[in-house]
Amino acid sequence: MQVSKLKISANASGKLKMLKSRSGLTPNLLCRMAMMLSFEAGPLKQSLASLEDGQEFNAYTLFGPYQSIYLDMLRFVEGEKHGENISNEVLIEKLIHHIDRGVRQLSVRIKSPADAAMLLAGEVGA
């Protein structure tokens, strides 16, 4: 599966702007961090409504050359590790929700550039 564009929630878009001003990191890097935090928290538990009314990213801007790795991690976290197939549409929706959940986590953890650096180094919330 290849993704060309991805639109995140308006709430996540607003939090990304705030996080950019706090950390100095661009929204695409913050989204990558958000995905990793959310993947680490495990699969999404509830059925979720559509969140696609915020900022839109080109896939290459969001994932860089590592799109297949991020999507494989998503498949693993969301249950394909046991041979379950998840449709591409559901997978993309879950990715949007993982970004949203991760951005919420980042908005609590990052208050300064130093917090972002410590999080990247694995020293925050361990």
Protein backbone atom coordinates (compact mmCIF):
# COMPACT_ATOMS: atom_id res chain seq x y z
CA MET A 1 0.00 0.00 0.00
CA GLN A 2 1.21 3.49 -0.83
CA VAL A 3 -0.23 6.66 0.66
CA SER A 4 0.08 9.89 -1.33
CA LYS A 5 -1.63 12.38 1.01
CA LEU A 6 -2.89 12.28 4.55
CA LYS A 7 -5.15 14.76 6.32
CA ILE A 8 -5.07 14.92 10.12
CA SER A 9 -7.60 16.37 12.55
CA ALA A 10 -8.11 20.08 13.13
CA ASN A 11 -7.34 19.51 16.82
CA ALA A 12 -4.03 17.81 16.01
CA SER A 13 -3.22 20.58 13.51
CA GLY A 14 -3.68 23.21 16.21
CA LYS A 15 -1.57 21.28 18.70
CA LEU A 16 1.17 20.85 16.07
CA LYS A 17 1.36 24.64 15.62
CA MET A 18 1.70 25.06 19.37
CA LEU A 19 4.31 22.29 19.56
CA LYS A 20 6.27 23.83 16.70
CA SER A 21 6.51 27.10 18.61
CA ARG A 22 7.53 25.29 21.81
CA SER A 23 10.06 22.92 20.30
CA GLY A 24 11.24 24.48 17.05
CA LEU A 25 10.51 21.18 15.25
CA THR A 26 8.51 21.07 12.03
CA PRO A 27 5.04 19.45 11.98
CA ASN A 28 6.22 16.46 9.93
CA LEU A 29 8.92 15.61 12.49
CA LEU A 30 6.44 16.08 15.32
CA CYS A 31 4.01 13.74 13.55
CA ARG A 32 6.72 11.11 13.27
CA MET A 33 7.37 11.41 17.00
CA ALA A 34 3.62 11.28 17.63
CA MET A 35 3.25 8.08 15.61
CA MET A 36 6.04 6.38 17.55
CA LEU A 37 4.56 7.39 20.92
CA SER A 38 1.13 6.17 19.90
CA PHE A 39 2.44 2.92 18.43
CA GLU A 40 4.28 2.34 21.70
CA ALA A 41 0.99 2.79 23.59
CA GLY A 42 -0.51 -0.11 21.63
CA PRO A 43 -3.52 -0.58 19.39
CA LEU A 44 -6.41 1.84 19.38
CA LYS A 45 -9.14 0.48 21.64
CA GLN A 46 -12.35 2.13 20.48
CA SER A 47 -14.03 2.72 17.15
CA LEU A 48 -13.28 6.28 16.20
CA ALA A 49 -15.07 8.92 14.14
CA SER A 50 -13.43 10.62 11.17
CA LEU A 51 -10.84 13.24 12.08
CA GLU A 52 -9.84 14.37 8.59
CA ASP A 53 -10.53 18.10 8.73
CA GLY A 54 -7.12 19.59 9.50
CA GLN A 55 -3.70 19.94 7.95
CA GLU A 56 -2.85 17.83 4.91
CA PHE A 57 0.57 16.25 4.41
CA ASN A 58 2.14 14.77 1.31
CA ALA A 59 3.25 11.27 2.22
CA TYR A 60 6.90 11.93 1.45
CA THR A 61 6.89 15.02 3.66
CA LEU A 62 5.36 13.03 6.49
CA PHE A 63 7.26 9.76 6.19
CA GLY A 64 10.38 10.61 4.21
CA PRO A 65 11.75 7.55 2.44
CA TYR A 66 10.47 5.33 5.28
CA GLN A 67 6.76 5.09 4.44
CA SER A 68 6.80 1.31 4.18
CA ILE A 69 8.46 1.01 7.61
CA TYR A 70 5.87 3.25 9.30
CA LEU A 71 3.02 1.36 7.64
CA ASP A 72 4.51 -2.01 8.63
CA MET A 73 4.79 -0.82 12.24
CA LEU A 74 1.16 0.31 12.07
CA ARG A 75 0.09 -3.10 10.75
CA PHE A 76 2.02 -4.81 13.53
CA VAL A 77 0.54 -2.63 16.26
CA GLU A 78 -2.99 -2.95 14.92
CA GLY A 79 -3.08 -6.72 14.75
CA GLU A 80 -1.75 -7.97 11.45
CA LYS A 81 0.97 -9.77 13.38
CA HIS A 82 -1.46 -12.69 13.81
CA GLY A 83 -2.32 -12.96 10.13
CA GLU A 84 -5.33 -10.66 10.35
CA ASN A 85 -5.82 -8.48 7.28
CA ILE A 86 -6.88 -4.88 7.78
CA SER A 87 -8.18 -3.01 4.74
CA ASN A 88 -6.13 -0.09 3.46
CA GLU A 89 -8.94 2.36 4.24
CA VAL A 90 -9.17 1.19 7.86
CA LEU A 91 -5.38 1.23 8.15
CA ILE A 92 -5.19 4.86 6.98
CA GLU A 93 -7.96 5.85 9.39
CA LYS A 94 -6.08 4.16 12.23
CA LEU A 95 -2.89 5.99 11.21
CA ILE A 96 -4.71 9.32 11.44
CA HIS A 97 -5.98 8.38 14.90
CA HIS A 98 -2.49 7.28 16.00
CA ILE A 99 -1.12 10.66 14.93
CA ASP A 100 -3.93 12.38 16.82
CA ARG A 101 -3.31 10.35 19.98
CA GLY A 102 0.45 10.87 19.74
CA VAL A 103 0.12 14.62 19.21
CA ARG A 104 -2.04 14.80 22.36
CA GLN A 105 0.72 12.94 24.24
CA LEU A 106 3.40 15.27 22.86
CA SER A 107 1.41 18.38 23.78
CA VAL A 108 1.63 17.34 27.43
CA ARG A 109 5.28 16.28 27.34
CA ILE A 110 6.94 19.03 25.28
CA LYS A 111 7.08 22.48 26.85
CA SER A 112 10.47 23.57 25.46
CA PRO A 113 13.14 22.59 22.94
CA ALA A 114 14.97 20.83 25.78
CA ASP A 115 11.91 18.61 26.42
CA ALA A 116 11.85 17.64 22.74
CA ALA A 117 15.57 16.81 22.82
CA MET A 118 15.16 14.72 25.97
CA LEU A 119 12.19 12.87 24.44
CA LEU A 120 14.20 12.13 21.31
CA ALA A 121 17.05 10.86 23.46
CA GLY A 122 14.63 8.59 25.35
CA GLU A 123 15.03 10.37 28.67
CA VAL A 124 11.44 11.61 29.21
CA GLY A 125 8.61 9.45 30.50
CA ALA A 126 10.69 6.30 30.68
